[in-house]
C-alpha atoms as a PDB file:
ATOM      1  CA  UNK A   1     -57.378   9.464 -33.481  1.00  0.00           C
ATOM      2  CA  UNK A   2     -55.908   9.342 -36.979  1.00  0.00           C
ATOM      3  CA  UNK A   3     -57.714  12.258 -38.548  1.00  0.00           C
ATOM      4  CA  UNK A   4     -56.227  13.718 -41.732  1.00  0.00           C
ATOM      5  CA  UNK A   5     -56.360  17.426 -42.422  1.00  0.00           C
ATOM      6  CA  UNK A   6     -56.705  18.358 -46.095  1.00  0.00           C
ATOM      7  CA  UNK A   7     -55.774  21.930 -46.967  1.00  0.00           C
ATOM      8  CA  UNK A   8     -55.675  24.111 -50.041  1.00  0.00           C
ATOM      9  CA  UNK A   9     -52.991  26.729 -49.407  1.00  0.00           C
ATOM     10  CA  UNK A  10     -51.658  29.779 -51.142  1.00  0.00           C
ATOM     11  CA  UNK A  11     -48.510  29.922 -49.025  1.00  0.00           C
ATOM     12  CA  UNK A  12     -47.176  28.817 -45.642  1.00  0.00           C
ATOM     13  CA  UNK A  13     -49.511  31.040 -43.611  1.00  0.00           C
ATOM     14  CA  UNK A  14     -52.753  31.282 -45.558  1.00  0.00           C
ATOM     15  CA  UNK A  15     -55.087  28.453 -46.373  1.00  0.00           C
ATOM     16  CA  UNK A  16     -58.170  28.881 -48.529  1.00  0.00           C
ATOM     17  CA  UNK A  17     -59.818  25.552 -47.837  1.00  0.00           C
ATOM     18  CA  UNK A  18     -59.742  23.018 -45.024  1.00  0.00           C
ATOM     19  CA  UNK A  19     -61.489  19.700 -44.532  1.00  0.00           C
ATOM     20  CA  UNK A  20     -61.065  16.566 -42.421  1.00  0.00           C
ATOM     21  CA  UNK A  21     -61.154  12.876 -43.236  1.00  0.00           C
ATOM     22  CA  UNK A  22     -60.670   9.652 -41.302  1.00  0.00           C
ATOM     23  CA  UNK A  23     -57.081   8.449 -41.278  1.00  0.00           C
ATOM     24  CA  UNK A  24     -57.822   5.180 -43.069  1.00  0.00           C
ATOM     25  CA  UNK A  25     -59.514   6.820 -46.087  1.00  0.00           C
ATOM     26  CA  UNK A  26     -57.770   7.737 -49.321  1.00  0.00           C
ATOM     27  CA  UNK A  27     -56.804  11.350 -49.888  1.00  0.00           C
ATOM     28  CA  UNK A  28     -58.191  11.471 -53.409  1.00  0.00           C
ATOM     29  CA  UNK A  29     -61.761  10.797 -52.265  1.00  0.00           C
ATOM     30  CA  UNK A  30     -61.861  14.185 -50.470  1.00  0.00           C
ATOM     31  CA  UNK A  31     -60.560  16.272 -53.355  1.00  0.00           C
ATOM     32  CA  UNK A  32     -64.036  17.118 -54.677  1.00  0.00           C
ATOM     33  CA  UNK A  33     -65.160  18.440 -51.290  1.00  0.00           C
ATOM     34  CA  UNK A  34     -62.049  20.555 -50.882  1.00  0.00           C
ATOM     35  CA  UNK A  35     -62.130  21.814 -54.467  1.00  0.00           C
ATOM     36  CA  UNK A  36     -65.815  22.737 -54.258  1.00  0.00           C
ATOM     37  CA  UNK A  37     -65.067  24.902 -51.220  1.00  0.00           C
ATOM     38  CA  UNK A  38     -62.562  27.050 -53.110  1.00  0.00           C
ATOM     39  CA  UNK A  39     -63.508  30.479 -54.420  1.00  0.00           C
ATOM     40  CA  UNK A  40     -64.582  30.229 -58.048  1.00  0.00           C
ATOM     41  CA  UNK A  41     -62.967  33.584 -58.838  1.00  0.00           C
ATOM     42  CA  UNK A  42     -59.521  32.118 -58.136  1.00  0.00           C
ATOM     43  CA  UNK A  43     -57.238  32.378 -61.110  1.00  0.00           C
ATOM     44  CA  UNK A  44     -55.059  29.330 -60.553  1.00  0.00           C
ATOM     45  CA  UNK A  45     -52.560  28.405 -63.230  1.00  0.00           C
ATOM     46  CA  UNK A  46     -51.244  25.249 -61.566  1.00  0.00           C
ATOM     47  CA  UNK A  47     -52.173  23.044 -58.617  1.00  0.00           C
ATOM     48  CA  UNK A  48     -49.349  21.181 -56.865  1.00  0.00           C
ATOM     49  CA  UNK A  49     -50.767  18.122 -55.100  1.00  0.00           C
ATOM     50  CA  UNK A  50     -49.046  15.149 -53.507  1.00  0.00           C
ATOM     51  CA  UNK A  51     -49.109  11.550 -54.758  1.00  0.00           C
ATOM     52  CA  UNK A  52     -52.253  10.750 -52.796  1.00  0.00           C
ATOM     53  CA  UNK A  53     -54.239  12.838 -55.281  1.00  0.00           C
ATOM     54  CA  UNK A  54     -52.868  11.117 -58.396  1.00  0.00           C
ATOM     55  CA  UNK A  55     -56.019   9.966 -60.182  1.00  0.00           C
ATOM     56  CA  UNK A  56     -57.194  10.493 -63.729  1.00  0.00           C
ATOM     57  CA  UNK A  57     -60.456  12.035 -62.478  1.00  0.00           C
ATOM     58  CA  UNK A  58     -58.637  14.734 -60.501  1.00  0.00           C
ATOM     59  CA  UNK A  59     -56.327  15.470 -63.412  1.00  0.00           C
ATOM     60  CA  UNK A  60     -59.327  15.740 -65.754  1.00  0.00           C
ATOM     61  CA  UNK A  61     -61.210  18.028 -63.356  1.00  0.00           C
ATOM     62  CA  UNK A  62     -58.264  20.400 -63.049  1.00  0.00           C
ATOM     63  CA  UNK A  63     -57.639  20.376 -66.809  1.00  0.00           C
ATOM     64  CA  UNK A  64     -61.338  21.104 -67.409  1.00  0.00           C
ATOM     65  CA  UNK A  65     -60.963  24.309 -65.395  1.00  0.00           C
ATOM     66  CA  UNK A  66     -57.736  25.267 -67.177  1.00  0.00           C
ATOM     67  CA  UNK A  67     -55.464  24.424 -64.248  1.00  0.00           C
ATOM     68  CA  UNK A  68     -52.239  22.525 -64.834  1.00  0.00           C
ATOM     69  CA  UNK A  69     -52.122  19.480 -62.523  1.00  0.00           C
ATOM     70  CA  UNK A  70     -48.655  19.208 -60.944  1.00  0.00           C
ATOM     71  CA  UNK A  71     -48.931  15.788 -59.324  1.00  0.00           C
ATOM     72  CA  UNK A  72     -46.102  13.251 -59.213  1.00  0.00           C
ATOM     73  CA  UNK A  73     -47.322   9.864 -60.470  1.00  0.00           C
ATOM     74  CA  UNK A  74     -47.741   6.983 -58.064  1.00  0.00           C
ATOM     75  CA  UNK A  75     -45.154   4.259 -58.389  1.00  0.00           C
ATOM     76  CA  UNK A  76     -47.796   1.703 -59.450  1.00  0.00           C
ATOM     77  CA  UNK A  77     -49.152   3.836 -62.321  1.00  0.00           C
ATOM     78  CA  UNK A  78     -48.917   2.019 -65.664  1.00  0.00           C
ATOM     79  CA  UNK A  79     -47.987   5.103 -67.691  1.00  0.00           C
ATOM     80  CA  UNK A  80     -45.684   7.548 -65.950  1.00  0.00           C
ATOM     81  CA  UNK A  81     -46.940  11.098 -66.367  1.00  0.00           C
ATOM     82  CA  UNK A  82     -44.677  14.127 -66.664  1.00  0.00           C
ATOM     83  CA  UNK A  83     -45.033  16.863 -64.051  1.00  0.00           C
ATOM     84  CA  UNK A  84     -43.220  20.154 -63.625  1.00  0.00           C
ATOM     85  CA  UNK A  85     -40.697  19.577 -60.841  1.00  0.00           C
ATOM     86  CA  UNK A  86     -39.915  23.284 -60.515  1.00  0.00           C
ATOM     87  CA  UNK A  87     -43.537  24.109 -59.693  1.00  0.00           C
ATOM     88  CA  UNK A  88     -43.829  21.029 -57.473  1.00  0.00           C
ATOM     89  CA  UNK A  89     -40.973  22.323 -55.281  1.00  0.00           C
ATOM     90  CA  UNK A  90     -43.267  25.172 -54.270  1.00  0.00           C
ATOM     91  CA  UNK A  91     -45.513  22.605 -52.553  1.00  0.00           C
ATOM     92  CA  UNK A  92     -43.167  22.766 -49.590  1.00  0.00           C
ATOM     93  CA  UNK A  93     -45.137  25.867 -48.611  1.00  0.00           C
ATOM     94  CA  UNK A  94     -48.091  23.624 -47.858  1.00  0.00           C
ATOM     95  CA  UNK A  95     -45.887  21.407 -45.720  1.00  0.00           C
ATOM     96  CA  UNK A  96     -44.655  24.500 -43.891  1.00  0.00           C
ATOM     97  CA  UNK A  97     -48.294  25.470 -43.285  1.00  0.00           C
ATOM     98  CA  UNK A  98     -48.943  22.065 -41.696  1.00  0.00           C
ATOM     99  CA  UNK A  99     -45.781  22.442 -39.622  1.00  0.00           C
ATOM    100  CA  UNK A 100     -46.944  25.816 -38.314  1.00  0.00           C
ATOM    101  CA  UNK A 101     -50.415  24.409 -37.678  1.00  0.00           C
ATOM    102  CA  UNK A 102     -49.061  21.512 -35.642  1.00  0.00           C
ATOM    103  CA  UNK A 103     -46.992  23.802 -33.450  1.00  0.00           C
ATOM    104  CA  UNK A 104     -50.270  24.348 -31.632  1.00  0.00           C
ATOM    105  CA  UNK A 105     -50.545  21.513 -29.142  1.00  0.00           C
ATOM    106  CA  UNK A 106     -54.325  21.422 -29.348  1.00  0.00           C
ATOM    107  CA  UNK A 107     -54.072  20.580 -33.073  1.00  0.00           C
ATOM    108  CA  UNK A 108     -51.070  18.244 -32.843  1.00  0.00           C
ATOM    109  CA  UNK A 109     -52.622  16.074 -30.123  1.00  0.00           C
ATOM    110  CA  UNK A 110     -56.276  16.521 -31.123  1.00  0.00           C
ATOM    111  CA  UNK A 111     -57.896  17.231 -27.780  1.00  0.00           C
ATOM    112  CA  UNK A 112     -61.354  17.607 -29.299  1.00  0.00           C
ATOM    113  CA  UNK A 113     -63.583  14.568 -29.226  1.00  0.00           C
ATOM    114  CA  UNK A 114     -65.774  15.439 -32.216  1.00  0.00           C
ATOM    115  CA  UNK A 115     -64.638  16.130 -35.764  1.00  0.00           C
ATOM    116  CA  UNK A 116     -66.713  19.321 -36.038  1.00  0.00           C
ATOM    117  CA  UNK A 117     -65.054  20.892 -33.000  1.00  0.00           C
ATOM    118  CA  UNK A 118     -61.619  19.766 -34.170  1.00  0.00           C
ATOM    119  CA  UNK A 119     -62.237  21.328 -37.599  1.00  0.00           C
ATOM    120  CA  UNK A 120     -63.362  24.520 -35.869  1.00  0.00           C
ATOM    121  CA  UNK A 121     -60.072  24.597 -33.934  1.00  0.00           C
ATOM    122  CA  UNK A 122     -58.131  24.009 -37.153  1.00  0.00           C
ATOM    123  CA  UNK A 123     -59.984  26.942 -38.757  1.00  0.00           C
ATOM    124  CA  UNK A 124     -59.293  29.178 -35.750  1.00  0.00           C
ATOM    125  CA  UNK A 125     -55.633  28.223 -35.750  1.00  0.00           C
ATOM    126  CA  UNK A 126     -55.337  28.822 -39.504  1.00  0.00           C
ATOM    127  CA  UNK A 127     -56.966  32.243 -39.072  1.00  0.00           C
ATOM    128  CA  UNK A 128     -54.548  33.036 -36.271  1.00  0.00           C
ATOM    129  CA  UNK A 129     -51.590  32.041 -38.471  1.00  0.00           C
ATOM    130  CA  UNK A 130     -52.881  34.216 -41.287  1.00  0.00           C
ATOM    131  CA  UNK A 131     -53.369  37.221 -38.995  1.00  0.00           C
ATOM    132  CA  UNK A 132     -50.002  36.795 -37.305  1.00  0.00           C
END
């Protein structure tokens, strides 16, 4: 009942990648799956992620592909890392996407019993939001 939805979004209505994880798992462990599902022709300059994705491995992976990681450091990080707060403010578009997604009662209350059918409903809802 505590499923997390991980999304890679361009703006508040269009997502380019969606995946699910159990609620008790860490966000950072699903980054590779979400990142692998993105189009390789994407020309990203920066990736604004929340604190749950603050790991050295994720930062290294993004830097390897020439993408600036815009991730606020966790409070327990030994060395505080600088991030661009102006770019990070644009991450509110992702939060607006989740808000629009959860306006659909079927997504907000998770009627589906199986994760695969729930993910299918999330994809359908995201497509509907994009087409709207």
